[in-house]
Amino acid sequence: HDITPNAMDEQRVLAQLEEMQMRDSLRTFNGLVERCFGECVTGFRSKSLTDVEDKCVKACAEKYFNHARRVGQRFGELSQKQQEELMKQMQGQK
């Protein structure tokens, strides 16, 4: 069960992509926690959130994820457009 150099390169690239995605997810999560905690949590008298804080955190998280989804969609659209333009250029060079 030999692994070709190309397959090894592919595995290495996939591992790097997974690591980058994990770091990005952690960065997103940390940003969400920082932002929503800073905006919503005002009292430190109890271990749990007040109803107002809880509602604020939920709304903040929803906004944050909606924004992240829109940014991701836009990035995907731009990336696809760039790939299409690159393919056109490559076809024009042949």
PDB file of N, CA and C in Angstrom:
ATOM      1  N   HIS A   1       0.869  -1.171   0.000  1.00  0.00           N
ATOM      2  CA  HIS A   1       0.000   0.000   0.000  1.00  0.00           C
ATOM      3  C   HIS A   1       0.911   1.227   0.000  1.00  0.00           C
ATOM      4  N   ASP A   2       1.505   1.490  -1.162  1.00  0.00           N
ATOM      5  CA  ASP A   2       2.439   2.604  -1.307  1.00  0.00           C
ATOM      6  C   ASP A   2       1.692   3.922  -1.464  1.00  0.00           C
ATOM      7  N   ILE A   3       2.277   4.950  -0.883  1.00  0.00           N
ATOM      8  CA  ILE A   3       1.715   6.293  -1.027  1.00  0.00           C
ATOM      9  C   ILE A   3       2.629   7.063  -1.958  1.00  0.00           C
ATOM     10  N   THR A   4       2.071   7.571  -3.031  1.00  0.00           N
ATOM     11  CA  THR A   4       2.862   8.323  -4.002  1.00  0.00           C
ATOM     12  C   THR A   4       3.214   9.689  -3.431  1.00  0.00           C
ATOM     13  N   PRO A   5       4.273  10.296  -3.964  1.00  0.00           N
ATOM     14  CA  PRO A   5       4.627  11.647  -3.485  1.00  0.00           C
ATOM     15  C   PRO A   5       3.469  12.641  -3.631  1.00  0.00           C
ATOM     16  N   ASN A   6       2.718  12.538  -4.732  1.00  0.00           N
ATOM     17  CA  ASN A   6       1.578  13.443  -4.916  1.00  0.00           C
ATOM     18  C   ASN A   6       0.517  13.243  -3.840  1.00  0.00           C
ATOM     19  N   ALA A   7       0.269  11.982  -3.489  1.00  0.00           N
ATOM     20  CA  ALA A   7      -0.712  11.689  -2.446  1.00  0.00           C
ATOM     21  C   ALA A   7      -0.231  12.213  -1.097  1.00  0.00           C
ATOM     22  N   MET A   8       1.066  12.108  -0.846  1.00  0.00           N
ATOM     23  CA  MET A   8       1.628  12.625   0.402  1.00  0.00           C
ATOM     24  C   MET A   8       1.494  14.141   0.455  1.00  0.00           C
ATOM     25  N   ASP A   9       1.775  14.797  -0.687  1.00  0.00           N
ATOM     26  CA  ASP A   9       1.620  16.252  -0.745  1.00  0.00           C
ATOM     27  C   ASP A   9       0.164  16.643  -0.495  1.00  0.00           C
ATOM     28  N   GLU A  10      -0.726  15.898  -1.107  1.00  0.00           N
ATOM     29  CA  GLU A  10      -2.149  16.183  -0.951  1.00  0.00           C
ATOM     30  C   GLU A  10      -2.562  16.026   0.509  1.00  0.00           C
ATOM     31  N   GLN A  11      -2.083  14.971   1.162  1.00  0.00           N
ATOM     32  CA  GLN A  11      -2.405  14.757   2.571  1.00  0.00           C
ATOM     33  C   GLN A  11      -1.852  15.892   3.435  1.00  0.00           C
ATOM     34  N   ARG A  12      -0.653  16.334   3.112  1.00  0.00           N
ATOM     35  CA  ARG A  12      -0.027  17.422   3.860  1.00  0.00           C
ATOM     36  C   ARG A  12      -0.838  18.715   3.703  1.00  0.00           C
ATOM     37  N   VAL A  13      -1.257  18.996   2.473  1.00  0.00           N
ATOM     38  CA  VAL A  13      -2.044  20.197   2.207  1.00  0.00           C
ATOM     39  C   VAL A  13      -3.385  20.121   2.936  1.00  0.00           C
ATOM     40  N   LEU A  14      -4.030  18.959   2.889  1.00  0.00           N
ATOM     41  CA  LEU A  14      -5.312  18.794   3.582  1.00  0.00           C
ATOM     42  C   LEU A  14      -5.147  18.985   5.088  1.00  0.00           C
ATOM     43  N   ALA A  15      -4.069  18.457   5.641  1.00  0.00           N
ATOM     44  CA  ALA A  15      -3.815  18.633   7.076  1.00  0.00           C
ATOM     45  C   ALA A  15      -3.606  20.104   7.411  1.00  0.00           C
ATOM     46  N   GLN A  16      -2.888  20.818   6.543  1.00  0.00           N
ATOM     47  CA  GLN A  16      -2.669  22.253   6.766  1.00  0.00           C
ATOM     48  C   GLN A  16      -3.991  23.027   6.671  1.00  0.00           C
ATOM     49  N   LEU A  17      -4.819  22.662   5.702  1.00  0.00           N
ATOM     50  CA  LEU A  17      -6.128  23.312   5.565  1.00  0.00           C
ATOM     51  C   LEU A  17      -6.993  23.073   6.796  1.00  0.00           C
ATOM     52  N   GLU A  18      -6.982  21.842   7.299  1.00  0.00           N
ATOM     53  CA  GLU A  18      -7.768  21.532   8.497  1.00  0.00           C
ATOM     54  C   GLU A  18      -7.274  22.360   9.680  1.00  0.00           C
ATOM     55  N   GLU A  19      -5.957  22.480   9.810  1.00  0.00           N
ATOM     56  CA  GLU A  19      -5.389  23.268  10.906  1.00  0.00           C
ATOM     57  C   GLU A  19      -5.778  24.739  10.770  1.00  0.00           C
ATOM     58  N   MET A  20      -5.727  25.263   9.533  1.00  0.00           N
ATOM     59  CA  MET A  20      -6.109  26.656   9.309  1.00  0.00           C
ATOM     60  C   MET A  20      -7.584  26.868   9.639  1.00  0.00           C
ATOM     61  N   GLN A  21      -8.438  25.913   9.247  1.00  0.00           N
ATOM     62  CA  GLN A  21      -9.863  26.028   9.534  1.00  0.00           C
ATOM     63  C   GLN A  21     -10.118  25.989  11.038  1.00  0.00           C
ATOM     64  N   MET A  22      -9.375  25.143  11.742  1.00  0.00           N
ATOM     65  CA  MET A  22      -9.533  25.052  13.195  1.00  0.00           C
ATOM     66  C   MET A  22      -9.118  26.371  13.845  1.00  0.00           C
ATOM     67  N   ARG A  23      -7.982  26.923  13.423  1.00  0.00           N
ATOM     68  CA  ARG A  23      -7.534  28.204  13.977  1.00  0.00           C
ATOM     69  C   ARG A  23      -8.558  29.309  13.691  1.00  0.00           C
ATOM     70  N   ASP A  24      -9.092  29.300  12.469  1.00  0.00           N
ATOM     71  CA  ASP A  24     -10.082  30.314  12.096  1.00  0.00           C
ATOM     72  C   ASP A  24     -11.349  30.170  12.935  1.00  0.00           C
ATOM     73  N   SER A  25     -11.775  28.938  13.160  1.00  0.00           N
ATOM     74  CA  SER A  25     -12.959  28.696  13.986  1.00  0.00           C
ATOM     75  C   SER A  25     -12.729  29.177  15.413  1.00  0.00           C
ATOM     76  N   LEU A  26     -11.551  28.883  15.953  1.00  0.00           N
ATOM     77  CA  LEU A  26     -11.237  29.331  17.309  1.00  0.00           C
ATOM     78  C   LEU A  26     -11.173  30.853  17.389  1.00  0.00           C
ATOM     79  N   ARG A  27     -10.591  31.476  16.367  1.00  0.00           N
ATOM     80  CA  ARG A  27     -10.511  32.936  16.323  1.00  0.00           C
ATOM     81  C   ARG A  27     -11.919  33.537  16.270  1.00  0.00           C
ATOM     82  N   THR A  28     -12.781  32.954  15.462  1.00  0.00           N
ATOM     83  CA  THR A  28     -14.161  33.421  15.357  1.00  0.00           C
ATOM     84  C   THR A  28     -14.877  33.271  16.695  1.00  0.00           C
ATOM     85  N   PHE A  29     -14.724  32.100  17.304  1.00  0.00           N
ATOM     86  CA  PHE A  29     -15.384  31.848  18.586  1.00  0.00           C
ATOM     87  C   PHE A  29     -14.874  32.815  19.650  1.00  0.00           C
ATOM     88  N   ASN A  30     -13.560  33.003  19.722  1.00  0.00           N
ATOM     89  CA  ASN A  30     -12.996  33.925  20.716  1.00  0.00           C
ATOM     90  C   ASN A  30     -13.476  35.356  20.484  1.00  0.00           C
ATOM     91  N   GLY A  31     -13.562  35.758  19.228  1.00  0.00           N
ATOM     92  CA  GLY A  31     -14.076  37.086  18.908  1.00  0.00           C
ATOM     93  C   GLY A  31     -15.522  37.238  19.337  1.00  0.00           C
ATOM     94  N   LEU A  32     -16.305  36.210  19.102  1.00  0.00           N
ATOM     95  CA  LEU A  32     -17.714  36.211  19.504  1.00  0.00           C
ATOM     96  C   LEU A  32     -17.832  36.349  21.021  1.00  0.00           C
ATOM     97  N   VAL A  33     -17.084  35.552  21.743  1.00  0.00           N
ATOM     98  CA  VAL A  33     -17.152  35.590  23.210  1.00  0.00           C
ATOM     99  C   VAL A  33     -16.731  36.959  23.721  1.00  0.00           C
ATOM    100  N   GLU A  34     -15.616  37.464  23.203  1.00  0.00           N
ATOM    101  CA  GLU A  34     -15.124  38.776  23.645  1.00  0.00           C
ATOM    102  C   GLU A  34     -16.145  39.875  23.393  1.00  0.00           C
ATOM    103  N   ARG A  35     -16.648  39.894  22.170  1.00  0.00           N
ATOM    104  CA  ARG A  35     -17.574  40.967  21.789  1.00  0.00           C
ATOM    105  C   ARG A  35     -18.884  40.900  22.573  1.00  0.00           C
ATOM    106  N   CYS A  36     -19.487  39.723  22.586  1.00  0.00           N
ATOM    107  CA  CYS A  36     -20.794  39.598  23.229  1.00  0.00           C
ATOM    108  C   CYS A  36     -20.683  39.732  24.751  1.00  0.00           C
ATOM    109  N   PHE A  37     -19.621  39.220  25.336  1.00  0.00           N
ATOM    110  CA  PHE A  37     -19.428  39.386  26.769  1.00  0.00           C
ATOM    111  C   PHE A  37     -19.278  40.868  27.101  1.00  0.00           C
ATOM    112  N   GLY A  38     -18.441  41.549  26.320  1.00  0.00           N
ATOM    113  CA  GLY A  38     -18.219  42.977  26.564  1.00  0.00           C
ATOM    114  C   GLY A  38     -19.477  43.805  26.397  1.00  0.00           C
ATOM    115  N   GLU A  39     -20.302  43.452  25.428  1.00  0.00           N
ATOM    116  CA  GLU A  39     -21.527  44.219  25.163  1.00  0.00           C
ATOM    117  C   GLU A  39     -22.654  43.911  26.135  1.00  0.00           C
ATOM    118  N   CYS A  40     -22.710  42.663  26.580  1.00  0.00           N
ATOM    119  CA  CYS A  40     -23.926  42.214  27.264  1.00  0.00           C
ATOM    120  C   CYS A  40     -23.801  41.991  28.769  1.00  0.00           C
ATOM    121  N   VAL A  41     -22.652  41.572  29.225  1.00  0.00           N
ATOM    122  CA  VAL A  41     -22.521  41.220  30.640  1.00  0.00           C
ATOM    123  C   VAL A  41     -22.084  42.448  31.427  1.00  0.00           C
ATOM    124  N   THR A  42     -22.957  42.865  32.313  1.00  0.00           N
ATOM    125  CA  THR A  42     -22.689  44.092  33.068  1.00  0.00           C
ATOM    126  C   THR A  42     -22.578  43.851  34.570  1.00  0.00           C
ATOM    127  N   GLY A  43     -23.161  42.782  35.043  1.00  0.00           N
ATOM    128  CA  GLY A  43     -23.139  42.517  36.481  1.00  0.00           C
ATOM    129  C   GLY A  43     -22.371  41.253  36.785  1.00  0.00           C
ATOM    130  N   PHE A  44     -21.693  41.269  37.917  1.00  0.00           N
ATOM    131  CA  PHE A  44     -20.913  40.094  38.310  1.00  0.00           C
ATOM    132  C   PHE A  44     -21.323  39.632  39.707  1.00  0.00           C
ATOM    133  N   ARG A  45     -22.597  39.849  40.046  1.00  0.00           N
ATOM    134  CA  ARG A  45     -23.074  39.499  41.377  1.00  0.00           C
ATOM    135  C   ARG A  45     -23.478  38.034  41.502  1.00  0.00           C
ATOM    136  N   SER A  46     -23.750  37.385  40.351  1.00  0.00           N
ATOM    137  CA  SER A  46     -24.133  35.967  40.410  1.00  0.00           C
ATOM    138  C   SER A  46     -23.378  35.176  39.352  1.00  0.00           C
ATOM    139  N   LYS A  47     -23.451  33.863  39.478  1.00  0.00           N
ATOM    140  CA  LYS A  47     -22.745  32.981  38.537  1.00  0.00           C
ATOM    141  C   LYS A  47     -23.455  32.900  37.187  1.00  0.00           C
ATOM    142  N   SER A  48     -24.737  33.177  37.176  1.00  0.00           N
ATOM    143  CA  SER A  48     -25.498  33.050  35.930  1.00  0.00           C
ATOM    144  C   SER A  48     -25.862  34.424  35.379  1.00  0.00           C
ATOM    145  N   LEU A  49     -26.215  34.415  34.106  1.00  0.00           N
ATOM    146  CA  LEU A  49     -26.618  35.657  33.441  1.00  0.00           C
ATOM    147  C   LEU A  49     -28.025  36.061  33.866  1.00  0.00           C
ATOM    148  N   THR A  50     -28.276  37.347  33.870  1.00  0.00           N
ATOM    149  CA  THR A  50     -29.650  37.819  34.086  1.00  0.00           C
ATOM    150  C   THR A  50     -30.427  37.560  32.800  1.00  0.00           C
ATOM    151  N   ASP A  51     -31.737  37.688  32.846  1.00  0.00           N
ATOM    152  CA  ASP A  51     -32.561  37.496  31.647  1.00  0.00           C
ATOM    153  C   ASP A  51     -32.168  38.492  30.555  1.00  0.00           C
ATOM    154  N   VAL A  52     -31.929  39.736  30.953  1.00  0.00           N
ATOM    155  CA  VAL A  52     -31.540  40.767  29.982  1.00  0.00           C
ATOM    156  C   VAL A  52     -30.199  40.413  29.346  1.00  0.00           C
ATOM    157  N   GLU A  53     -29.228  39.995  30.170  1.00  0.00           N
ATOM    158  CA  GLU A  53     -27.910  39.616  29.646  1.00  0.00           C
ATOM    159  C   GLU A  53     -28.023  38.410  28.722  1.00  0.00           C
ATOM    160  N   ASP A  54     -28.834  37.431  29.124  1.00  0.00           N
ATOM    161  CA  ASP A  54     -29.018  36.220  28.324  1.00  0.00           C
ATOM    162  C   ASP A  54     -29.597  36.554  26.956  1.00  0.00           C
ATOM    163  N   LYS A  55     -30.621  37.383  26.921  1.00  0.00           N
ATOM    164  CA  LYS A  55     -31.227  37.792  25.648  1.00  0.00           C
ATOM    165  C   LYS A  55     -30.215  38.553  24.793  1.00  0.00           C
ATOM    166  N   CYS A  56     -29.454  39.418  25.434  1.00  0.00           N
ATOM    167  CA  CYS A  56     -28.444  40.204  24.718  1.00  0.00           C
ATOM    168  C   CYS A  56     -27.387  39.291  24.099  1.00  0.00           C
ATOM    169  N   VAL A  57     -26.898  38.325  24.870  1.00  0.00           N
ATOM    170  CA  VAL A  57     -25.871  37.397  24.370  1.00  0.00           C
ATOM    171  C   VAL A  57     -26.412  36.601  23.186  1.00  0.00           C
ATOM    172  N   LYS A  58     -27.638  36.123  23.299  1.00  0.00           N
ATOM    173  CA  LYS A  58     -28.234  35.349  22.197  1.00  0.00           C
ATOM    174  C   LYS A  58     -28.370  36.201  20.936  1.00  0.00           C
ATOM    175  N   ALA A  59     -28.844  37.431  21.094  1.00  0.00           N
ATOM    176  CA  ALA A  59     -28.993  38.325  19.936  1.00  0.00           C
ATOM    177  C   ALA A  59     -27.624  38.667  19.345  1.00  0.00           C
ATOM    178  N   CYS A  60     -26.660  38.920  20.204  1.00  0.00           N
ATOM    179  CA  CYS A  60     -25.312  39.253  19.748  1.00  0.00           C
ATOM    180  C   CYS A  60     -24.701  38.086  18.970  1.00  0.00           C
ATOM    181  N   ALA A  61     -24.828  36.880  19.513  1.00  0.00           N
ATOM    182  CA  ALA A  61     -24.274  35.691  18.848  1.00  0.00           C
ATOM    183  C   ALA A  61     -24.942  35.471  17.495  1.00  0.00           C
ATOM    184  N   GLU A  62     -26.258  35.655  17.451  1.00  0.00           N
ATOM    185  CA  GLU A  62     -26.979  35.481  16.186  1.00  0.00           C
ATOM    186  C   GLU A  62     -26.482  36.488  15.142  1.00  0.00           C
ATOM    187  N   LYS A  63     -26.324  37.743  15.564  1.00  0.00           N
ATOM    188  CA  LYS A  63     -25.805  38.776  14.657  1.00  0.00           C
ATOM    189  C   LYS A  63     -24.411  38.423  14.164  1.00  0.00           C
ATOM    190  N   TYR A  64     -23.588  37.975  15.094  1.00  0.00           N
ATOM    191  CA  TYR A  64     -22.201  37.644  14.776  1.00  0.00           C
ATOM    192  C   TYR A  64     -22.145  36.521  13.741  1.00  0.00           C
ATOM    193  N   PHE A  65     -22.941  35.460  13.966  1.00  0.00           N
ATOM    194  CA  PHE A  65     -22.933  34.335  13.030  1.00  0.00           C
ATOM    195  C   PHE A  65     -23.538  34.707  11.680  1.00  0.00           C
ATOM    196  N   ASN A  66     -24.570  35.535  11.689  1.00  0.00           N
ATOM    197  CA  ASN A  66     -25.143  35.994  10.423  1.00  0.00           C
ATOM    198  C   ASN A  66     -24.117  36.804   9.632  1.00  0.00           C
ATOM    199  N   HIS A  67     -23.399  37.656  10.328  1.00  0.00           N
ATOM    200  CA  HIS A  67     -22.351  38.447   9.675  1.00  0.00           C
ATOM    201  C   HIS A  67     -21.253  37.535   9.115  1.00  0.00           C
ATOM    202  N   ALA A  68     -20.815  36.578   9.917  1.00  0.00           N
ATOM    203  CA  ALA A  68     -19.766  35.648   9.472  1.00  0.00           C
ATOM    204  C   ALA A  68     -20.230  34.858   8.250  1.00  0.00           C
ATOM    205  N   ARG A  69     -21.501  34.458   8.246  1.00  0.00           N
ATOM    206  CA  ARG A  69     -22.042  33.709   7.103  1.00  0.00           C
ATOM    207  C   ARG A  69     -22.053  34.585   5.854  1.00  0.00           C
ATOM    208  N   ARG A  70     -22.476  35.846   5.995  1.00  0.00           N
ATOM    209  CA  ARG A  70     -22.493  36.765   4.841  1.00  0.00           C
ATOM    210  C   ARG A  70     -21.086  36.998   4.310  1.00  0.00           C
ATOM    211  N   VAL A  71     -20.136  37.186   5.208  1.00  0.00           N
ATOM    212  CA  VAL A  71     -18.751  37.391   4.780  1.00  0.00           C
ATOM    213  C   VAL A  71     -18.251  36.151   4.043  1.00  0.00           C
ATOM    214  N   GLY A  72     -18.557  34.977   4.575  1.00  0.00           N
ATOM    215  CA  GLY A  72     -18.146  33.728   3.931  1.00  0.00           C
ATOM    216  C   GLY A  72     -18.767  33.568   2.548  1.00  0.00           C
ATOM    217  N   GLN A  73     -20.044  33.901   2.428  1.00  0.00           N
ATOM    218  CA  GLN A  73     -20.715  33.818   1.127  1.00  0.00           C
ATOM    219  C   GLN A  73     -20.080  34.779   0.136  1.00  0.00           C
ATOM    220  N   ARG A  74     -19.834  35.987   0.585  1.00  0.00           N
ATOM    221  CA  ARG A  74     -19.231  37.000  -0.295  1.00  0.00           C
ATOM    222  C   ARG A  74     -17.838  36.574  -0.729  1.00  0.00           C
ATOM    223  N   PHE A  75     -17.069  36.049   0.207  1.00  0.00           N
ATOM    224  CA  PHE A  75     -15.729  35.565  -0.107  1.00  0.00           C
ATOM    225  C   PHE A  75     -15.803  34.448  -1.144  1.00  0.00           C
ATOM    226  N   GLY A  76     -16.761  33.541  -0.969  1.00  0.00           N
ATOM    227  CA  GLY A  76     -16.942  32.448  -1.929  1.00  0.00           C
ATOM    228  C   GLY A  76     -17.301  32.962  -3.314  1.00  0.00           C
ATOM    229  N   GLU A  77     -18.179  33.958  -3.362  1.00  0.00           N
ATOM    230  CA  GLU A  77     -18.579  34.548  -4.649  1.00  0.00           C
ATOM    231  C   GLU A  77     -17.377  35.192  -5.341  1.00  0.00           C
ATOM    232  N   LEU A  78     -16.605  35.960  -4.580  1.00  0.00           N
ATOM    233  CA  LEU A  78     -15.431  36.621  -5.162  1.00  0.00           C
ATOM    234  C   LEU A  78     -14.396  35.611  -5.611  1.00  0.00           C
ATOM    235  N   SER A  79     -14.193  34.572  -4.814  1.00  0.00           N
ATOM    236  CA  SER A  79     -13.230  33.530  -5.162  1.00  0.00           C
ATOM    237  C   SER A  79     -13.647  32.821  -6.449  1.00  0.00           C
ATOM    238  N   GLN A  80     -14.929  32.511  -6.563  1.00  0.00           N
ATOM    239  CA  GLN A  80     -15.432  31.843  -7.762  1.00  0.00           C
ATOM    240  C   GLN A  80     -15.243  32.750  -8.984  1.00  0.00           C
ATOM    241  N   LYS A  81     -15.531  34.025  -8.820  1.00  0.00           N
ATOM    242  CA  LYS A  81     -15.380  34.973  -9.916  1.00  0.00           C
ATOM    243  C   LYS A  81     -13.916  35.050 -10.362  1.00  0.00           C
ATOM    244  N   GLN A  82     -12.994  35.085  -9.412  1.00  0.00           N
ATOM    245  CA  GLN A  82     -11.571  35.131  -9.739  1.00  0.00           C
ATOM    246  C   GLN A  82     -11.146  33.863 -10.472  1.00  0.00           C
ATOM    247  N   GLN A  83     -11.647  32.712 -10.023  1.00  0.00           N
ATOM    248  CA  GLN A  83     -11.310  31.455 -10.682  1.00  0.00           C
ATOM    249  C   GLN A  83     -11.830  31.438 -12.112  1.00  0.00           C
ATOM    250  N   GLU A  84     -13.038  31.941 -12.319  1.00  0.00           N
ATOM    251  CA  GLU A  84     -13.605  31.985 -13.665  1.00  0.00           C
ATOM    252  C   GLU A  84     -12.782  32.897 -14.572  1.00  0.00           C
ATOM    253  N   GLU A  85     -12.361  34.050 -14.032  1.00  0.00           N
ATOM    254  CA  GLU A  85     -11.546  34.974 -14.816  1.00  0.00           C
ATOM    255  C   GLU A  85     -10.188  34.357 -15.149  1.00  0.00           C
ATOM    256  N   LEU A  86      -9.614  33.644 -14.201  1.00  0.00           N
ATOM    257  CA  LEU A  86      -8.338  32.978 -14.433  1.00  0.00           C
ATOM    258  C   LEU A  86      -8.469  31.907 -15.517  1.00  0.00           C
ATOM    259  N   MET A  87      -9.563  31.150 -15.473  1.00  0.00           N
ATOM    260  CA  MET A  87      -9.797  30.122 -16.491  1.00  0.00           C
ATOM    261  C   MET A  87      -9.941  30.758 -17.875  1.00  0.00           C
ATOM    262  N   LYS A  88     -10.635  31.887 -17.963  1.00  0.00           N
ATOM    263  CA  LYS A  88     -10.785  32.588 -19.233  1.00  0.00           C
ATOM    264  C   LYS A  88      -9.426  33.040 -19.762  1.00  0.00           C
ATOM    265  N   GLN A  89      -8.612  33.571 -18.871  1.00  0.00           N
ATOM    266  CA  GLN A  89      -7.274  34.026 -19.266  1.00  0.00           C
ATOM    267  C   GLN A  89      -6.440  32.862 -19.767  1.00  0.00           C
ATOM    268  N   MET A  90      -6.521  31.735 -19.056  1.00  0.00           N
ATOM    269  CA  MET A  90      -5.725  30.561 -19.445  1.00  0.00           C
ATOM    270  C   MET A  90      -6.199  30.020 -20.788  1.00  0.00           C
ATOM    271  N   GLN A  91      -7.507  30.042 -21.043  1.00  0.00           N
ATOM    272  CA  GLN A  91      -8.036  29.559 -22.302  1.00  0.00           C
ATOM    273  C   GLN A  91      -7.645  30.493 -23.436  1.00  0.00           C
ATOM    274  N   GLY A  92      -7.571  31.772 -23.141  1.00  0.00           N
ATOM    275  CA  GLY A  92      -7.184  32.761 -24.146  1.00  0.00           C
ATOM    276  C   GLY A  92      -5.717  32.665 -24.537  1.00  0.00           C
ATOM    277  N   GLN A  93      -4.896  32.099 -23.653  1.00  0.00           N
ATOM    278  CA  GLN A  93      -3.463  31.976 -23.918  1.00  0.00           C
ATOM    279  C   GLN A  93      -3.144  30.756 -24.777  1.00  0.00           C
ATOM    280  N   LYS A  94      -4.059  29.825 -24.883  1.00  0.00           N
ATOM    281  CA  LYS A  94      -3.801  28.593 -25.641  1.00  0.00           C
ATOM    282  C   LYS A  94      -3.825  28.827 -27.127  1.00  0.00           C
TER     283      LYS A  94
END
